[in-house]
C-alpha cells in the first residue's frame, strides 16, 4: 500500500521506520508526504489546527477495502 499525505493547513510531525531505524520529519502546509510501505505515525504536535488529505493506493488491482479498514492500530502514550 502506498500512502500520500497532502497537508492543506498547518504542520504534521511524522515518525517512520527506514531500514529498521526510526526517523522523523515535519511536513509543512502545501507539502506532500509519501509513505511507501513503512510503519509510521503522523501527529499534530502544535497548538495550531492541521488539515490534510490522505490518498491510499493499492497497486495489485484488487479490492482491498477490508484490508484498508483494518490496517490501523491505536497507540496510547
N, C-alpha and C. Protein backbone atom coordinates (compact mmCIF):
# COMPACT_ATOMS: atom_id res chain seq x y z
N UNK A 1 0.84 -1.17 0.00
CA UNK A 1 0.00 0.00 0.00
C UNK A 1 0.89 1.24 0.00
N UNK A 2 0.56 2.18 -0.81
CA UNK A 2 1.30 3.43 -0.91
C UNK A 2 0.39 4.53 -0.39
N UNK A 3 0.91 5.36 0.52
CA UNK A 3 0.09 6.40 1.14
C UNK A 3 0.75 7.75 0.91
N UNK A 4 -0.04 8.72 0.45
CA UNK A 4 0.43 10.08 0.25
C UNK A 4 -0.44 11.01 1.09
N UNK A 5 0.21 11.89 1.85
CA UNK A 5 -0.49 12.83 2.73
C UNK A 5 -0.20 14.24 2.23
N UNK A 6 -1.25 14.96 1.84
CA UNK A 6 -1.11 16.34 1.39
C UNK A 6 -1.59 17.25 2.52
N UNK A 7 -0.70 18.09 3.03
CA UNK A 7 -1.03 18.99 4.13
C UNK A 7 -1.66 20.26 3.56
N UNK A 8 -2.90 20.48 3.92
CA UNK A 8 -3.64 21.65 3.45
C UNK A 8 -3.34 22.86 4.33
N UNK A 9 -3.27 22.62 5.64
CA UNK A 9 -3.08 23.71 6.60
C UNK A 9 -2.28 23.18 7.78
N UNK A 10 -1.35 23.99 8.28
CA UNK A 10 -0.60 23.62 9.48
C UNK A 10 0.62 22.78 9.19
N UNK A 11 1.06 22.07 10.22
CA UNK A 11 2.26 21.23 10.16
C UNK A 11 1.96 19.89 10.81
N UNK A 12 2.44 18.82 10.20
CA UNK A 12 2.31 17.49 10.78
C UNK A 12 3.70 16.95 11.08
N UNK A 13 3.81 16.21 12.16
CA UNK A 13 5.07 15.57 12.53
C UNK A 13 4.94 14.09 12.22
N UNK A 14 5.88 13.53 11.48
CA UNK A 14 5.84 12.14 11.08
C UNK A 14 7.03 11.38 11.66
N UNK A 15 6.75 10.21 12.21
CA UNK A 15 7.79 9.27 12.64
C UNK A 15 7.62 8.02 11.80
N UNK A 16 8.73 7.45 11.34
CA UNK A 16 8.65 6.27 10.48
C UNK A 16 9.90 5.42 10.62
N UNK A 17 9.80 4.18 10.17
CA UNK A 17 10.93 3.28 10.18
C UNK A 17 11.51 3.19 8.77
N UNK A 18 12.83 3.32 8.70
CA UNK A 18 13.53 3.15 7.43
C UNK A 18 14.72 2.24 7.68
N UNK A 19 14.68 1.07 7.08
CA UNK A 19 15.72 0.05 7.30
C UNK A 19 15.91 -0.25 8.78
N UNK A 20 14.80 -0.32 9.53
CA UNK A 20 14.84 -0.66 10.95
C UNK A 20 15.21 0.50 11.86
N UNK A 21 15.50 1.65 11.30
CA UNK A 21 15.89 2.83 12.09
C UNK A 21 14.74 3.82 12.15
N UNK A 22 14.44 4.33 13.36
CA UNK A 22 13.37 5.32 13.50
C UNK A 22 13.86 6.68 13.03
N UNK A 23 13.06 7.29 12.16
CA UNK A 23 13.37 8.64 11.65
C UNK A 23 12.14 9.50 11.84
N UNK A 24 12.30 10.80 11.67
CA UNK A 24 11.17 11.71 11.80
C UNK A 24 11.37 12.94 10.93
N UNK A 25 10.25 13.59 10.61
CA UNK A 25 10.30 14.80 9.80
C UNK A 25 9.03 15.61 10.05
N UNK A 26 9.07 16.88 9.71
CA UNK A 26 7.90 17.74 9.75
C UNK A 26 7.46 18.00 8.31
N UNK A 27 6.15 17.98 8.10
CA UNK A 27 5.58 18.24 6.78
C UNK A 27 4.76 19.52 6.90
N UNK A 28 5.12 20.51 6.10
CA UNK A 28 4.51 21.83 6.18
C UNK A 28 3.31 21.95 5.24
N UNK A 29 2.57 23.02 5.43
CA UNK A 29 1.44 23.36 4.57
C UNK A 29 1.85 23.33 3.09
N UNK A 30 1.02 22.69 2.26
CA UNK A 30 1.20 22.55 0.81
C UNK A 30 2.32 21.59 0.44
N UNK A 31 2.81 20.78 1.37
CA UNK A 31 3.79 19.75 1.06
C UNK A 31 3.10 18.38 1.04
N UNK A 32 3.74 17.44 0.37
CA UNK A 32 3.23 16.07 0.30
C UNK A 32 4.22 15.14 0.97
N UNK A 33 3.70 14.28 1.83
CA UNK A 33 4.49 13.24 2.47
C UNK A 33 4.14 11.93 1.78
N UNK A 34 5.12 11.23 1.24
CA UNK A 34 4.87 9.94 0.62
C UNK A 34 5.40 8.86 1.54
N UNK A 35 4.49 8.03 2.02
CA UNK A 35 4.84 6.93 2.91
C UNK A 35 4.62 5.65 2.12
N UNK A 36 5.69 5.00 1.77
CA UNK A 36 5.56 3.79 0.97
C UNK A 36 5.05 2.65 1.84
N UNK A 37 5.87 1.69 2.13
CA UNK A 37 5.42 0.51 2.88
C UNK A 37 5.96 0.51 4.31
N UNK A 38 6.27 1.66 4.86
CA UNK A 38 6.88 1.72 6.19
C UNK A 38 5.83 1.88 7.28
N UNK A 39 6.20 1.43 8.46
CA UNK A 39 5.39 1.68 9.65
C UNK A 39 5.59 3.15 9.98
N UNK A 40 4.48 3.88 10.27
CA UNK A 40 4.61 5.31 10.50
C UNK A 40 3.48 5.83 11.39
N UNK A 41 3.73 6.98 12.00
CA UNK A 41 2.70 7.72 12.73
C UNK A 41 2.76 9.17 12.26
N UNK A 42 1.60 9.81 12.29
CA UNK A 42 1.52 11.22 11.91
C UNK A 42 0.73 11.92 13.00
N UNK A 43 1.26 13.04 13.49
CA UNK A 43 0.57 13.77 14.54
C UNK A 43 0.73 15.27 14.37
N UNK A 44 -0.20 15.99 14.94
CA UNK A 44 -0.11 17.44 15.02
C UNK A 44 0.36 17.74 16.44
N UNK A 45 1.63 18.09 16.58
CA UNK A 45 2.17 18.37 17.92
C UNK A 45 2.27 19.87 18.18
N UNK A 46 1.45 20.67 17.48
CA UNK A 46 1.41 22.12 17.68
C UNK A 46 0.06 22.53 18.26
N UNK A 47 -0.06 23.79 18.60
CA UNK A 47 -1.34 24.33 19.08
C UNK A 47 -2.22 24.80 17.93
N UNK A 48 -1.71 24.75 16.71
CA UNK A 48 -2.44 25.21 15.53
C UNK A 48 -3.23 24.06 14.91
N UNK A 49 -4.31 24.41 14.23
CA UNK A 49 -5.11 23.41 13.52
C UNK A 49 -4.34 22.90 12.32
N UNK A 50 -4.41 21.59 12.08
CA UNK A 50 -3.82 20.99 10.89
C UNK A 50 -4.92 20.30 10.10
N UNK A 51 -4.88 20.47 8.80
CA UNK A 51 -5.82 19.80 7.91
C UNK A 51 -5.01 19.10 6.83
N UNK A 52 -5.42 17.87 6.50
CA UNK A 52 -4.69 17.12 5.49
C UNK A 52 -5.61 16.11 4.83
N UNK A 53 -5.17 15.64 3.66
CA UNK A 53 -5.89 14.64 2.90
C UNK A 53 -4.94 13.46 2.70
N UNK A 54 -5.47 12.25 2.87
CA UNK A 54 -4.67 11.04 2.68
C UNK A 54 -5.16 10.31 1.44
N UNK A 55 -4.24 10.02 0.54
CA UNK A 55 -4.52 9.23 -0.65
C UNK A 55 -3.82 7.89 -0.49
N UNK A 56 -4.57 6.80 -0.62
CA UNK A 56 -4.00 5.47 -0.47
C UNK A 56 -4.15 4.71 -1.78
N UNK A 57 -3.06 4.06 -2.18
CA UNK A 57 -3.05 3.31 -3.42
C UNK A 57 -2.64 1.87 -3.15
N UNK A 58 -3.35 0.97 -3.78
CA UNK A 58 -3.02 -0.45 -3.67
C UNK A 58 -2.73 -0.93 -5.09
N UNK A 59 -1.47 -1.15 -5.43
CA UNK A 59 -1.10 -1.42 -6.81
C UNK A 59 -1.52 -2.78 -7.38
N UNK A 60 -1.97 -3.71 -6.56
CA UNK A 60 -2.29 -5.05 -7.07
C UNK A 60 -3.53 -5.08 -7.95
N UNK A 61 -4.35 -4.04 -7.93
CA UNK A 61 -5.56 -4.04 -8.73
C UNK A 61 -6.68 -4.88 -8.13
N UNK A 62 -6.58 -5.19 -6.86
CA UNK A 62 -7.61 -5.98 -6.17
C UNK A 62 -8.46 -5.07 -5.30
N UNK A 63 -9.63 -5.57 -4.91
CA UNK A 63 -10.48 -4.85 -3.97
C UNK A 63 -9.98 -5.14 -2.56
N UNK A 64 -9.28 -4.18 -1.97
CA UNK A 64 -8.70 -4.35 -0.64
C UNK A 64 -9.33 -3.42 0.38
N UNK A 65 -10.60 -3.09 0.20
CA UNK A 65 -11.26 -2.17 1.14
C UNK A 65 -11.23 -2.70 2.57
N UNK A 66 -11.42 -3.98 2.75
CA UNK A 66 -11.41 -4.54 4.11
C UNK A 66 -10.01 -4.45 4.72
N UNK A 67 -8.98 -4.67 3.94
CA UNK A 67 -7.61 -4.56 4.44
C UNK A 67 -7.31 -3.13 4.88
N UNK A 68 -7.80 -2.15 4.13
CA UNK A 68 -7.57 -0.75 4.48
C UNK A 68 -8.28 -0.40 5.78
N UNK A 69 -9.48 -0.91 5.96
CA UNK A 69 -10.24 -0.62 7.18
C UNK A 69 -9.57 -1.17 8.42
N UNK A 70 -8.83 -2.25 8.29
CA UNK A 70 -8.28 -2.95 9.46
C UNK A 70 -6.77 -2.81 9.60
N UNK A 71 -6.14 -1.89 8.91
CA UNK A 71 -4.68 -1.82 8.94
C UNK A 71 -4.12 -0.83 9.96
N UNK A 72 -4.97 -0.29 10.82
CA UNK A 72 -4.50 0.69 11.81
C UNK A 72 -4.52 0.11 13.22
N UNK A 73 -3.62 0.60 14.05
CA UNK A 73 -3.57 0.22 15.45
C UNK A 73 -3.48 1.48 16.29
N UNK A 74 -4.33 1.62 17.26
CA UNK A 74 -4.27 2.79 18.15
C UNK A 74 -3.11 2.61 19.13
N UNK A 75 -2.36 3.68 19.32
CA UNK A 75 -1.23 3.66 20.24
C UNK A 75 -1.44 4.75 21.27
N UNK A 76 -1.39 4.39 22.54
CA UNK A 76 -1.53 5.38 23.62
C UNK A 76 -0.17 5.57 24.27
N UNK A 77 0.14 6.82 24.53
CA UNK A 77 1.41 7.13 25.19
C UNK A 77 1.19 7.53 26.61
